[in-house]
N, C-alpha and C. Protein backbone atom coordinates (compact mmCIF):
# COMPACT_ATOMS: atom_id res chain seq x y z
N MET A 1 -173.51 121.09 -84.85
CA MET A 1 -172.07 121.15 -84.89
C MET A 1 -171.52 119.73 -85.01
N SER A 2 -170.53 119.52 -85.83
CA SER A 2 -170.00 118.17 -86.03
C SER A 2 -168.99 117.83 -84.95
N VAL A 3 -168.64 116.56 -84.88
CA VAL A 3 -167.67 116.08 -83.90
C VAL A 3 -166.33 116.74 -84.11
N THR A 4 -165.95 116.95 -85.35
CA THR A 4 -164.66 117.55 -85.67
C THR A 4 -164.61 119.00 -85.20
N GLN A 5 -165.71 119.71 -85.32
CA GLN A 5 -165.74 121.10 -84.91
C GLN A 5 -165.68 121.23 -83.39
N THR A 6 -166.36 120.34 -82.66
CA THR A 6 -166.34 120.43 -81.20
C THR A 6 -165.03 119.96 -80.62
N ALA A 7 -164.37 119.01 -81.26
CA ALA A 7 -163.11 118.50 -80.75
C ALA A 7 -161.94 119.39 -81.10
N GLY A 8 -162.14 120.33 -82.01
CA GLY A 8 -161.05 121.20 -82.41
C GLY A 8 -160.09 120.45 -83.32
N SER A 9 -158.81 120.73 -83.20
CA SER A 9 -157.81 120.06 -84.04
C SER A 9 -157.25 118.86 -83.30
N SER A 10 -158.08 117.88 -83.06
CA SER A 10 -157.65 116.69 -82.32
C SER A 10 -157.01 115.68 -83.27
N ALA A 11 -156.28 114.75 -82.66
CA ALA A 11 -155.62 113.71 -83.45
C ALA A 11 -156.65 112.77 -84.06
N THR A 12 -157.82 112.65 -83.44
CA THR A 12 -158.85 111.76 -83.96
C THR A 12 -159.31 112.21 -85.34
N ALA A 13 -159.45 113.49 -85.52
CA ALA A 13 -159.89 114.01 -86.81
C ALA A 13 -158.84 113.76 -87.89
N ASP A 14 -157.56 113.76 -87.50
CA ASP A 14 -156.49 113.49 -88.45
C ASP A 14 -156.37 112.01 -88.79
N ALA A 15 -156.63 111.13 -87.83
CA ALA A 15 -156.41 109.71 -88.02
C ALA A 15 -157.55 109.02 -88.75
N ARG A 16 -158.75 109.61 -88.71
CA ARG A 16 -159.90 108.96 -89.33
C ARG A 16 -160.58 109.93 -90.29
N THR A 17 -161.23 109.38 -91.28
CA THR A 17 -161.89 110.20 -92.28
C THR A 17 -163.39 109.92 -92.24
N HIS A 18 -164.22 110.98 -92.24
CA HIS A 18 -165.67 110.82 -92.27
C HIS A 18 -166.12 110.56 -93.70
N HIS A 19 -167.03 109.64 -93.88
CA HIS A 19 -167.65 109.37 -95.18
C HIS A 19 -169.07 109.88 -95.13
N GLY A 20 -169.70 109.93 -96.26
CA GLY A 20 -171.06 110.43 -96.36
C GLY A 20 -172.04 109.68 -95.48
N ASN A 21 -171.84 108.38 -95.28
CA ASN A 21 -172.80 107.60 -94.50
C ASN A 21 -172.46 107.58 -93.00
N GLY A 22 -171.50 108.36 -92.57
CA GLY A 22 -171.18 108.44 -91.15
C GLY A 22 -170.17 107.41 -90.68
N ALA A 23 -169.70 106.52 -91.56
CA ALA A 23 -168.73 105.49 -91.17
C ALA A 23 -167.34 106.10 -91.04
N LEU A 24 -166.54 105.51 -90.19
CA LEU A 24 -165.16 105.96 -90.02
C LEU A 24 -164.22 104.99 -90.69
N GLU A 25 -163.26 105.52 -91.41
CA GLU A 25 -162.26 104.68 -92.06
C GLU A 25 -161.06 104.57 -91.13
N MET A 26 -160.67 103.36 -90.80
CA MET A 26 -159.54 103.14 -89.91
C MET A 26 -158.24 103.27 -90.69
N PRO A 27 -157.17 103.72 -90.03
CA PRO A 27 -155.89 103.84 -90.72
C PRO A 27 -155.36 102.46 -91.16
N GLU A 28 -154.52 102.47 -92.16
CA GLU A 28 -153.92 101.25 -92.69
C GLU A 28 -153.07 100.58 -91.61
N PRO A 29 -153.18 99.26 -91.42
CA PRO A 29 -152.35 98.59 -90.41
C PRO A 29 -150.87 98.64 -90.79
N ASP A 30 -150.03 98.70 -89.78
CA ASP A 30 -148.59 98.78 -89.98
C ASP A 30 -148.04 97.36 -90.12
N HIS A 31 -147.55 96.99 -91.29
CA HIS A 31 -147.07 95.64 -91.54
C HIS A 31 -145.71 95.38 -90.89
N ARG A 32 -145.04 96.45 -90.46
CA ARG A 32 -143.77 96.26 -89.75
C ARG A 32 -144.00 95.55 -88.42
N LEU A 33 -145.15 95.81 -87.81
CA LEU A 33 -145.46 95.14 -86.54
C LEU A 33 -145.65 93.64 -86.74
N ASP A 34 -146.27 93.26 -87.87
CA ASP A 34 -146.42 91.84 -88.18
C ASP A 34 -145.07 91.17 -88.36
N ARG A 35 -144.16 91.90 -89.00
CA ARG A 35 -142.81 91.36 -89.22
C ARG A 35 -142.10 91.12 -87.89
N ILE A 36 -142.26 92.03 -86.95
CA ILE A 36 -141.65 91.87 -85.64
C ILE A 36 -142.31 90.72 -84.88
N ALA A 37 -143.64 90.69 -84.88
CA ALA A 37 -144.38 89.67 -84.12
C ALA A 37 -144.11 88.26 -84.65
N ASP A 38 -143.82 88.13 -85.92
CA ASP A 38 -143.55 86.82 -86.51
C ASP A 38 -142.10 86.39 -86.41
N HIS A 39 -141.24 87.27 -85.95
CA HIS A 39 -139.80 86.98 -85.89
C HIS A 39 -139.51 85.96 -84.78
N PRO A 40 -138.70 84.93 -85.04
CA PRO A 40 -138.44 83.89 -84.03
C PRO A 40 -137.74 84.42 -82.77
N ILE A 41 -136.89 85.43 -82.91
CA ILE A 41 -136.22 85.99 -81.72
C ILE A 41 -137.24 86.70 -80.84
N PHE A 42 -138.19 87.42 -81.45
CA PHE A 42 -139.23 88.08 -80.68
C PHE A 42 -140.10 87.06 -79.95
N LYS A 43 -140.44 85.98 -80.64
CA LYS A 43 -141.25 84.93 -80.01
C LYS A 43 -140.50 84.31 -78.83
N THR A 44 -139.20 84.08 -78.99
CA THR A 44 -138.38 83.54 -77.91
C THR A 44 -138.35 84.51 -76.73
N LEU A 45 -138.15 85.79 -77.02
CA LEU A 45 -138.10 86.81 -75.97
C LEU A 45 -139.41 86.85 -75.19
N VAL A 46 -140.52 86.88 -75.90
CA VAL A 46 -141.83 86.95 -75.23
C VAL A 46 -142.08 85.67 -74.43
N HIS A 47 -141.77 84.52 -75.01
CA HIS A 47 -142.01 83.25 -74.31
C HIS A 47 -141.16 83.15 -73.04
N ASP A 48 -139.86 83.45 -73.16
CA ASP A 48 -138.97 83.35 -72.00
C ASP A 48 -139.36 84.33 -70.89
N ARG A 49 -139.65 85.56 -71.29
CA ARG A 49 -139.99 86.57 -70.30
C ARG A 49 -141.31 86.25 -69.61
N THR A 50 -142.28 85.78 -70.36
CA THR A 50 -143.57 85.41 -69.78
C THR A 50 -143.43 84.22 -68.84
N ARG A 51 -142.71 83.20 -69.28
CA ARG A 51 -142.52 82.01 -68.45
C ARG A 51 -141.78 82.36 -67.15
N PHE A 52 -140.72 83.14 -67.26
CA PHE A 52 -139.94 83.52 -66.08
C PHE A 52 -140.78 84.38 -65.14
N GLY A 53 -141.58 85.27 -65.70
CA GLY A 53 -142.47 86.10 -64.88
C GLY A 53 -143.47 85.27 -64.11
N TRP A 54 -144.02 84.24 -64.76
CA TRP A 54 -144.98 83.38 -64.07
C TRP A 54 -144.31 82.54 -62.98
N ILE A 55 -143.07 82.11 -63.22
CA ILE A 55 -142.34 81.36 -62.20
C ILE A 55 -142.12 82.23 -60.97
N LEU A 56 -141.67 83.47 -61.18
CA LEU A 56 -141.44 84.36 -60.06
C LEU A 56 -142.76 84.71 -59.36
N THR A 57 -143.80 84.89 -60.12
CA THR A 57 -145.12 85.16 -59.53
C THR A 57 -145.58 83.99 -58.67
N GLY A 58 -145.39 82.77 -59.17
CA GLY A 58 -145.77 81.59 -58.40
C GLY A 58 -144.99 81.48 -57.10
N LEU A 59 -143.69 81.76 -57.16
CA LEU A 59 -142.88 81.73 -55.94
C LEU A 59 -143.37 82.77 -54.93
N MET A 60 -143.65 83.97 -55.41
CA MET A 60 -144.11 85.02 -54.50
C MET A 60 -145.46 84.67 -53.90
N LEU A 61 -146.36 84.14 -54.70
CA LEU A 61 -147.67 83.75 -54.19
C LEU A 61 -147.56 82.63 -53.17
N PHE A 62 -146.67 81.68 -53.42
CA PHE A 62 -146.46 80.58 -52.48
C PHE A 62 -145.98 81.10 -51.13
N VAL A 63 -144.99 81.98 -51.14
CA VAL A 63 -144.45 82.52 -49.89
C VAL A 63 -145.50 83.38 -49.19
N TYR A 64 -146.16 84.25 -49.94
CA TYR A 64 -147.13 85.16 -49.33
C TYR A 64 -148.31 84.39 -48.74
N PHE A 65 -148.92 83.51 -49.53
CA PHE A 65 -150.08 82.78 -49.01
C PHE A 65 -149.69 81.76 -47.96
N GLY A 66 -148.44 81.26 -48.01
CA GLY A 66 -147.95 80.42 -46.92
C GLY A 66 -147.91 81.19 -45.62
N PHE A 67 -147.44 82.42 -45.68
CA PHE A 67 -147.40 83.28 -44.50
C PHE A 67 -148.82 83.58 -44.01
N ILE A 68 -149.71 83.93 -44.91
CA ILE A 68 -151.10 84.20 -44.54
C ILE A 68 -151.75 82.95 -43.96
N GLY A 69 -151.43 81.79 -44.53
CA GLY A 69 -151.97 80.53 -44.00
C GLY A 69 -151.49 80.27 -42.58
N LEU A 70 -150.23 80.58 -42.30
CA LEU A 70 -149.74 80.43 -40.93
C LEU A 70 -150.44 81.39 -39.98
N ILE A 71 -150.70 82.59 -40.44
CA ILE A 71 -151.43 83.55 -39.60
C ILE A 71 -152.82 83.00 -39.28
N ALA A 72 -153.46 82.41 -40.28
CA ALA A 72 -154.82 81.92 -40.09
C ALA A 72 -154.89 80.64 -39.27
N PHE A 73 -153.92 79.72 -39.45
CA PHE A 73 -154.07 78.39 -38.88
C PHE A 73 -153.07 78.04 -37.79
N ASP A 74 -152.02 78.80 -37.60
CA ASP A 74 -151.05 78.46 -36.55
C ASP A 74 -150.50 79.72 -35.90
N LYS A 75 -151.39 80.44 -35.24
CA LYS A 75 -150.99 81.67 -34.57
C LYS A 75 -149.98 81.42 -33.47
N ALA A 76 -150.08 80.27 -32.82
CA ALA A 76 -149.17 79.96 -31.72
C ALA A 76 -147.72 79.88 -32.23
N LEU A 77 -147.53 79.30 -33.40
CA LEU A 77 -146.18 79.20 -33.95
C LEU A 77 -145.60 80.60 -34.21
N LEU A 78 -146.42 81.47 -34.79
CA LEU A 78 -145.96 82.81 -35.11
C LEU A 78 -145.74 83.66 -33.85
N ALA A 79 -146.40 83.31 -32.76
CA ALA A 79 -146.25 84.06 -31.51
C ALA A 79 -145.01 83.63 -30.73
N THR A 80 -144.34 82.58 -31.18
CA THR A 80 -143.14 82.09 -30.49
C THR A 80 -142.07 83.18 -30.48
N LYS A 81 -141.54 83.45 -29.28
CA LYS A 81 -140.50 84.47 -29.14
C LYS A 81 -139.17 83.93 -29.65
N VAL A 82 -138.50 84.74 -30.45
CA VAL A 82 -137.21 84.37 -31.02
C VAL A 82 -136.26 85.56 -30.79
N GLY A 83 -135.12 85.27 -30.25
CA GLY A 83 -134.12 86.33 -30.08
C GLY A 83 -134.55 87.43 -29.14
N GLY A 84 -135.12 87.10 -28.02
CA GLY A 84 -135.50 88.12 -27.03
C GLY A 84 -136.97 88.46 -27.10
N THR A 85 -137.27 89.65 -27.63
CA THR A 85 -138.66 90.12 -27.58
C THR A 85 -139.42 89.97 -28.90
N ALA A 86 -138.74 89.78 -30.01
CA ALA A 86 -139.41 89.68 -31.31
C ALA A 86 -139.97 88.28 -31.50
N SER A 87 -141.11 88.21 -32.17
CA SER A 87 -141.74 86.91 -32.41
C SER A 87 -141.30 86.35 -33.76
N LEU A 88 -141.55 85.06 -33.93
CA LEU A 88 -141.25 84.40 -35.20
C LEU A 88 -142.06 85.02 -36.33
N GLY A 89 -143.28 85.44 -36.02
CA GLY A 89 -144.13 86.08 -37.03
C GLY A 89 -143.52 87.35 -37.58
N PHE A 90 -142.85 88.13 -36.72
CA PHE A 90 -142.18 89.34 -37.17
C PHE A 90 -141.10 89.00 -38.19
N TYR A 91 -140.27 88.01 -37.85
CA TYR A 91 -139.18 87.64 -38.76
C TYR A 91 -139.71 87.03 -40.06
N MET A 92 -140.79 86.27 -39.96
CA MET A 92 -141.36 85.70 -41.18
C MET A 92 -141.98 86.79 -42.06
N GLY A 93 -142.60 87.77 -41.44
CA GLY A 93 -143.15 88.90 -42.20
C GLY A 93 -142.05 89.68 -42.90
N MET A 94 -140.94 89.87 -42.19
CA MET A 94 -139.79 90.55 -42.81
C MET A 94 -139.23 89.71 -43.95
N PHE A 95 -139.24 88.39 -43.78
CA PHE A 95 -138.77 87.50 -44.84
C PHE A 95 -139.62 87.67 -46.10
N VAL A 96 -140.94 87.78 -45.95
CA VAL A 96 -141.82 87.95 -47.11
C VAL A 96 -141.46 89.23 -47.86
N ILE A 97 -141.21 90.30 -47.13
CA ILE A 97 -140.86 91.57 -47.75
C ILE A 97 -139.50 91.49 -48.45
N VAL A 98 -138.51 90.93 -47.76
CA VAL A 98 -137.17 90.80 -48.35
C VAL A 98 -137.20 89.86 -49.56
N PHE A 99 -138.01 88.80 -49.48
CA PHE A 99 -138.14 87.86 -50.59
C PHE A 99 -138.67 88.56 -51.83
N ALA A 100 -139.62 89.49 -51.66
CA ALA A 100 -140.16 90.24 -52.80
C ALA A 100 -139.05 91.08 -53.43
N PHE A 101 -138.22 91.71 -52.61
CA PHE A 101 -137.10 92.50 -53.14
C PHE A 101 -136.08 91.61 -53.86
N VAL A 102 -135.83 90.45 -53.32
CA VAL A 102 -134.87 89.52 -53.94
C VAL A 102 -135.41 89.06 -55.30
N LEU A 103 -136.69 88.72 -55.37
CA LEU A 103 -137.27 88.31 -56.66
C LEU A 103 -137.20 89.45 -57.68
N THR A 104 -137.43 90.67 -57.21
CA THR A 104 -137.31 91.82 -58.11
C THR A 104 -135.89 91.95 -58.62
N GLY A 105 -134.91 91.78 -57.74
CA GLY A 105 -133.51 91.84 -58.15
C GLY A 105 -133.16 90.74 -59.15
N ILE A 106 -133.69 89.55 -58.93
CA ILE A 106 -133.45 88.44 -59.86
C ILE A 106 -134.03 88.77 -61.24
N TYR A 107 -135.23 89.33 -61.26
CA TYR A 107 -135.83 89.67 -62.54
C TYR A 107 -135.04 90.77 -63.24
N VAL A 108 -134.62 91.78 -62.50
CA VAL A 108 -133.85 92.87 -63.10
C VAL A 108 -132.53 92.36 -63.65
N ALA A 109 -131.87 91.48 -62.91
CA ALA A 109 -130.60 90.91 -63.39
C ALA A 109 -130.82 90.14 -64.69
N ARG A 110 -131.89 89.37 -64.74
CA ARG A 110 -132.18 88.60 -65.95
C ARG A 110 -132.56 89.52 -67.11
N ALA A 111 -133.33 90.57 -66.81
CA ALA A 111 -133.73 91.50 -67.86
C ALA A 111 -132.52 92.25 -68.41
N ASN A 112 -131.58 92.58 -67.54
CA ASN A 112 -130.40 93.33 -67.99
C ASN A 112 -129.39 92.46 -68.72
N THR A 113 -129.52 91.17 -68.63
CA THR A 113 -128.58 90.29 -69.34
C THR A 113 -129.29 89.62 -70.51
N ARG A 114 -130.06 88.61 -70.25
CA ARG A 114 -130.66 87.81 -71.31
C ARG A 114 -131.65 88.59 -72.17
N TYR A 115 -132.58 89.31 -71.54
CA TYR A 115 -133.63 89.97 -72.30
C TYR A 115 -133.09 91.16 -73.09
N ASP A 116 -132.15 91.90 -72.52
CA ASP A 116 -131.54 92.99 -73.27
C ASP A 116 -130.72 92.46 -74.44
N ARG A 117 -130.05 91.33 -74.23
CA ARG A 117 -129.27 90.73 -75.31
C ARG A 117 -130.19 90.27 -76.44
N LEU A 118 -131.31 89.64 -76.09
CA LEU A 118 -132.27 89.20 -77.12
C LEU A 118 -132.88 90.40 -77.84
N SER A 119 -133.16 91.47 -77.11
CA SER A 119 -133.73 92.67 -77.74
C SER A 119 -132.75 93.28 -78.73
N ALA A 120 -131.48 93.36 -78.32
CA ALA A 120 -130.46 93.92 -79.22
C ALA A 120 -130.29 93.03 -80.45
N GLU A 121 -130.32 91.72 -80.25
CA GLU A 121 -130.20 90.79 -81.36
C GLU A 121 -131.38 90.94 -82.32
N LEU A 122 -132.58 91.13 -81.77
CA LEU A 122 -133.77 91.33 -82.58
C LEU A 122 -133.67 92.62 -83.39
N ILE A 123 -133.20 93.67 -82.78
CA ILE A 123 -133.04 94.94 -83.49
C ILE A 123 -132.04 94.82 -84.61
N ARG A 124 -130.90 94.16 -84.32
CA ARG A 124 -129.89 93.95 -85.38
C ARG A 124 -130.46 93.13 -86.52
N SER A 125 -131.22 92.10 -86.18
CA SER A 125 -131.78 91.20 -87.20
C SER A 125 -132.80 91.93 -88.06
N LEU A 126 -133.60 92.78 -87.45
CA LEU A 126 -134.63 93.50 -88.21
C LEU A 126 -134.06 94.64 -89.04
N ALA A 127 -132.89 95.13 -88.65
CA ALA A 127 -132.26 96.23 -89.39
C ALA A 127 -131.67 95.78 -90.71
N LYS A 128 -131.46 94.48 -90.86
CA LYS A 128 -130.86 93.95 -92.09
C LYS A 128 -131.80 94.05 -93.25
């Protein structure tokens, strides 16, 4: 039984053609994707978004590993009581969590303004 018969009417059988020697012919590449990838607005969008993502990632890693470093090397500082019964470590742990939410909000705000504007500009430019 051939692969096409066992797979039934799968998309694989439609997308590729069997030749006599068993080789598979790949579909023709879509040149529209090359046009998008080579567009300067697309390159700007990808560069800006990647750079901003790495900046936010670096900030989060700094705060998180700073907190973990304090846990590992200065437990006495984190055990200091602040505001009654809660320790400084509790408040710093809460800060790490809130900081992650703040960074997410910053990214969403940037995505909804700059990145959406660049995407719309790219779509308008490619529609011409």
